[in-house]
């Protein structure tokens, strides 16, 4: 008979913005960093403009990628980072960089604070994410 494993989950507060985006506040380089939660994004993305703001370095590796309706663009990896979400260490997550100016322009138009990145399905899937919209919480396994 297979053994049953019990998972531990962290309760992460989520914010439903006026624009209807869901955001979370993480920490990057010891500073607050707002991320959009995007279940349809294949990877976790950092705005290319935030790299210097958070004093991060890019690795020499890159790849092509893009979102729905966008052309393929060259994306770089952040060499090393210390991304955390509450007590959850996400430093092992590959952070790709992409210019998110268009995203932040849309948020600004809706009078929503800008974001530094997108928390994608790579983290959400691996951490067995459950989003409870009514309670304003996201559960992530530790």
C-alpha atoms as a PDB file:
ATOM      1  CA  UNK A   1       0.000   0.000   0.000  1.00  0.00           C
ATOM      2  CA  UNK A   2       1.507   3.380  -0.993  1.00  0.00           C
ATOM      3  CA  UNK A   3       2.289   5.791   1.795  1.00  0.00           C
ATOM      4  CA  UNK A   4       0.501   9.105   1.911  1.00  0.00           C
ATOM      5  CA  UNK A   5       2.617  12.230   2.175  1.00  0.00           C
ATOM      6  CA  UNK A   6       1.342  15.263   3.986  1.00  0.00           C
ATOM      7  CA  UNK A   7       2.288  18.560   2.426  1.00  0.00           C
ATOM      8  CA  UNK A   8       2.903  21.721   4.389  1.00  0.00           C
ATOM      9  CA  UNK A   9       1.517  24.905   2.845  1.00  0.00           C
ATOM     10  CA  UNK A  10       2.240  28.584   3.355  1.00  0.00           C
ATOM     11  CA  UNK A  11      -0.642  31.051   3.184  1.00  0.00           C
ATOM     12  CA  UNK A  12       0.396  33.922   0.917  1.00  0.00           C
ATOM     13  CA  UNK A  13      -1.812  37.038   0.889  1.00  0.00           C
ATOM     14  CA  UNK A  14      -2.882  38.006  -2.634  1.00  0.00           C
ATOM     15  CA  UNK A  15      -4.108  41.391  -3.779  1.00  0.00           C
ATOM     16  CA  UNK A  16      -6.855  41.741  -6.363  1.00  0.00           C
ATOM     17  CA  UNK A  17      -5.986  44.945  -8.157  1.00  0.00           C
ATOM     18  CA  UNK A  18      -8.430  47.409  -9.762  1.00  0.00           C
ATOM     19  CA  UNK A  19      -7.202  46.004 -13.076  1.00  0.00           C
ATOM     20  CA  UNK A  20      -8.334  42.524 -11.856  1.00  0.00           C
ATOM     21  CA  UNK A  21      -4.748  41.261 -11.863  1.00  0.00           C
ATOM     22  CA  UNK A  22      -3.671  39.216  -8.853  1.00  0.00           C
ATOM     23  CA  UNK A  23      -0.431  40.384  -7.247  1.00  0.00           C
ATOM     24  CA  UNK A  24       1.794  39.257  -4.389  1.00  0.00           C
ATOM     25  CA  UNK A  25       4.573  41.038  -2.571  1.00  0.00           C
ATOM     26  CA  UNK A  26       7.807  39.065  -2.554  1.00  0.00           C
ATOM     27  CA  UNK A  27      11.325  40.080  -1.514  1.00  0.00           C
ATOM     28  CA  UNK A  28      14.240  40.412  -3.897  1.00  0.00           C
ATOM     29  CA  UNK A  29      17.693  41.619  -2.854  1.00  0.00           C
ATOM     30  CA  UNK A  30      16.221  42.361   0.580  1.00  0.00           C
ATOM     31  CA  UNK A  31      13.600  44.734  -0.826  1.00  0.00           C
ATOM     32  CA  UNK A  32       9.848  44.410  -1.500  1.00  0.00           C
ATOM     33  CA  UNK A  33       9.041  43.315  -5.055  1.00  0.00           C
ATOM     34  CA  UNK A  34       5.504  43.147  -6.467  1.00  0.00           C
ATOM     35  CA  UNK A  35       4.753  40.280  -8.873  1.00  0.00           C
ATOM     36  CA  UNK A  36       1.671  39.510 -10.941  1.00  0.00           C
ATOM     37  CA  UNK A  37       0.495  35.926 -10.404  1.00  0.00           C
ATOM     38  CA  UNK A  38       0.010  34.459 -13.892  1.00  0.00           C
ATOM     39  CA  UNK A  39      -1.036  30.816 -14.127  1.00  0.00           C
ATOM     40  CA  UNK A  40      -0.643  30.985 -17.903  1.00  0.00           C
ATOM     41  CA  UNK A  41       2.946  32.238 -17.887  1.00  0.00           C
ATOM     42  CA  UNK A  42       5.299  29.329 -18.495  1.00  0.00           C
ATOM     43  CA  UNK A  43       8.103  30.861 -16.439  1.00  0.00           C
ATOM     44  CA  UNK A  44       8.796  33.443 -13.793  1.00  0.00           C
ATOM     45  CA  UNK A  45       9.840  36.739 -15.358  1.00  0.00           C
ATOM     46  CA  UNK A  46      11.668  39.770 -14.010  1.00  0.00           C
ATOM     47  CA  UNK A  47      11.291  43.123 -15.746  1.00  0.00           C
ATOM     48  CA  UNK A  48      14.579  43.835 -17.522  1.00  0.00           C
ATOM     49  CA  UNK A  49      14.529  47.357 -16.027  1.00  0.00           C
ATOM     50  CA  UNK A  50      14.502  45.875 -12.505  1.00  0.00           C
ATOM     51  CA  UNK A  51      17.832  44.082 -12.981  1.00  0.00           C
ATOM     52  CA  UNK A  52      19.892  47.215 -12.282  1.00  0.00           C
ATOM     53  CA  UNK A  53      17.410  48.555  -9.693  1.00  0.00           C
ATOM     54  CA  UNK A  54      17.861  45.376  -7.624  1.00  0.00           C
ATOM     55  CA  UNK A  55      21.608  45.178  -8.418  1.00  0.00           C
ATOM     56  CA  UNK A  56      21.349  41.759 -10.078  1.00  0.00           C
ATOM     57  CA  UNK A  57      23.610  40.285 -12.744  1.00  0.00           C
ATOM     58  CA  UNK A  58      22.616  38.504 -15.917  1.00  0.00           C
ATOM     59  CA  UNK A  59      24.115  35.184 -16.903  1.00  0.00           C
ATOM     60  CA  UNK A  60      25.613  34.729 -20.345  1.00  0.00           C
ATOM     61  CA  UNK A  61      22.876  32.197 -21.197  1.00  0.00           C
ATOM     62  CA  UNK A  62      19.736  33.352 -22.972  1.00  0.00           C
ATOM     63  CA  UNK A  63      16.778  31.915 -24.851  1.00  0.00           C
ATOM     64  CA  UNK A  64      13.960  32.985 -27.123  1.00  0.00           C
ATOM     65  CA  UNK A  65      10.507  33.355 -25.684  1.00  0.00           C
ATOM     66  CA  UNK A  66       7.402  35.494 -25.638  1.00  0.00           C
ATOM     67  CA  UNK A  67       3.838  35.734 -24.458  1.00  0.00           C
ATOM     68  CA  UNK A  68       0.459  35.404 -26.100  1.00  0.00           C
ATOM     69  CA  UNK A  69       0.319  37.580 -29.192  1.00  0.00           C
ATOM     70  CA  UNK A  70       3.944  38.669 -28.971  1.00  0.00           C
ATOM     71  CA  UNK A  71       6.833  37.925 -31.265  1.00  0.00           C
ATOM     72  CA  UNK A  72       9.689  35.753 -30.049  1.00  0.00           C
ATOM     73  CA  UNK A  73      12.143  37.868 -28.081  1.00  0.00           C
ATOM     74  CA  UNK A  74      15.571  37.184 -26.616  1.00  0.00           C
ATOM     75  CA  UNK A  75      15.363  36.683 -22.846  1.00  0.00           C
ATOM     76  CA  UNK A  76      18.293  36.518 -20.437  1.00  0.00           C
ATOM     77  CA  UNK A  77      18.582  34.641 -17.175  1.00  0.00           C
ATOM     78  CA  UNK A  78      19.394  36.329 -13.879  1.00  0.00           C
ATOM     79  CA  UNK A  79      22.691  34.804 -12.737  1.00  0.00           C
ATOM     80  CA  UNK A  80      21.845  34.552  -9.029  1.00  0.00           C
ATOM     81  CA  UNK A  81      19.049  35.928  -6.883  1.00  0.00           C
ATOM     82  CA  UNK A  82      17.425  35.582  -3.469  1.00  0.00           C
ATOM     83  CA  UNK A  83      13.715  35.756  -4.350  1.00  0.00           C
ATOM     84  CA  UNK A  84      11.478  34.834  -1.413  1.00  0.00           C
ATOM     85  CA  UNK A  85       7.741  34.820  -0.876  1.00  0.00           C
ATOM     86  CA  UNK A  86       7.129  35.115   2.872  1.00  0.00           C
ATOM     87  CA  UNK A  87       9.327  32.296   4.226  1.00  0.00           C
ATOM     88  CA  UNK A  88       9.393  30.387   0.941  1.00  0.00           C
ATOM     89  CA  UNK A  89      12.846  30.372  -0.655  1.00  0.00           C
ATOM     90  CA  UNK A  90      12.510  30.716  -4.440  1.00  0.00           C
ATOM     91  CA  UNK A  91      16.204  31.352  -5.109  1.00  0.00           C
ATOM     92  CA  UNK A  92      16.373  28.118  -7.128  1.00  0.00           C
ATOM     93  CA  UNK A  93      13.770  29.426  -9.581  1.00  0.00           C
ATOM     94  CA  UNK A  94      15.116  30.428 -12.987  1.00  0.00           C
ATOM     95  CA  UNK A  95      14.357  34.123 -13.434  1.00  0.00           C
ATOM     96  CA  UNK A  96      14.126  35.222 -17.054  1.00  0.00           C
ATOM     97  CA  UNK A  97      14.222  38.897 -17.946  1.00  0.00           C
ATOM     98  CA  UNK A  98      11.817  40.577 -20.317  1.00  0.00           C
ATOM     99  CA  UNK A  99      10.822  44.195 -20.863  1.00  0.00           C
ATOM    100  CA  UNK A 100       7.526  44.571 -18.982  1.00  0.00           C
ATOM    101  CA  UNK A 101       7.055  48.261 -19.845  1.00  0.00           C
ATOM    102  CA  UNK A 102       3.826  47.463 -21.704  1.00  0.00           C
ATOM    103  CA  UNK A 103       2.471  45.615 -18.646  1.00  0.00           C
ATOM    104  CA  UNK A 104       3.324  48.472 -16.283  1.00  0.00           C
ATOM    105  CA  UNK A 105       1.908  51.040 -18.730  1.00  0.00           C
ATOM    106  CA  UNK A 106      -1.410  49.167 -18.627  1.00  0.00           C
ATOM    107  CA  UNK A 107      -1.304  48.985 -14.842  1.00  0.00           C
ATOM    108  CA  UNK A 108      -0.523  52.697 -14.601  1.00  0.00           C
ATOM    109  CA  UNK A 109      -3.501  53.451 -16.839  1.00  0.00           C
ATOM    110  CA  UNK A 110      -5.681  51.504 -14.385  1.00  0.00           C
ATOM    111  CA  UNK A 111      -4.058  53.419 -11.482  1.00  0.00           C
ATOM    112  CA  UNK A 112      -2.303  50.298 -10.184  1.00  0.00           C
ATOM    113  CA  UNK A 113       1.259  50.267  -8.837  1.00  0.00           C
ATOM    114  CA  UNK A 114       3.868  48.821 -11.222  1.00  0.00           C
ATOM    115  CA  UNK A 115       5.252  45.303 -10.835  1.00  0.00           C
ATOM    116  CA  UNK A 116       8.803  44.032 -11.123  1.00  0.00           C
ATOM    117  CA  UNK A 117       7.833  40.658 -12.477  1.00  0.00           C
ATOM    118  CA  UNK A 118       5.469  37.803 -13.146  1.00  0.00           C
ATOM    119  CA  UNK A 119       5.220  34.735 -10.921  1.00  0.00           C
ATOM    120  CA  UNK A 120       4.610  31.975 -13.443  1.00  0.00           C
ATOM    121  CA  UNK A 121       3.390  28.403 -13.677  1.00  0.00           C
ATOM    122  CA  UNK A 122       6.899  27.050 -13.086  1.00  0.00           C
ATOM    123  CA  UNK A 123       6.605  28.087  -9.424  1.00  0.00           C
ATOM    124  CA  UNK A 124       2.840  27.616  -9.147  1.00  0.00           C
ATOM    125  CA  UNK A 125       2.905  24.055 -10.524  1.00  0.00           C
ATOM    126  CA  UNK A 126       5.984  22.938  -8.570  1.00  0.00           C
ATOM    127  CA  UNK A 127       4.544  24.389  -5.343  1.00  0.00           C
ATOM    128  CA  UNK A 128       1.044  22.928  -5.893  1.00  0.00           C
ATOM    129  CA  UNK A 129      -0.571  26.367  -5.813  1.00  0.00           C
ATOM    130  CA  UNK A 130      -4.157  26.792  -4.717  1.00  0.00           C
ATOM    131  CA  UNK A 131      -5.664  30.244  -5.130  1.00  0.00           C
ATOM    132  CA  UNK A 132      -8.554  31.102  -2.835  1.00  0.00           C
ATOM    133  CA  UNK A 133     -10.015  34.246  -4.360  1.00  0.00           C
ATOM    134  CA  UNK A 134     -12.731  34.633  -1.700  1.00  0.00           C
ATOM    135  CA  UNK A 135     -10.232  34.677   1.170  1.00  0.00           C
ATOM    136  CA  UNK A 136      -7.522  36.541  -0.743  1.00  0.00           C
ATOM    137  CA  UNK A 137      -4.955  33.805  -0.198  1.00  0.00           C
ATOM    138  CA  UNK A 138      -2.679  31.615  -2.248  1.00  0.00           C
ATOM    139  CA  UNK A 139      -1.448  28.348  -0.765  1.00  0.00           C
ATOM    140  CA  UNK A 140       2.029  27.174  -1.828  1.00  0.00           C
ATOM    141  CA  UNK A 141       3.686  23.981  -0.608  1.00  0.00           C
ATOM    142  CA  UNK A 142       6.943  24.360   1.275  1.00  0.00           C
END
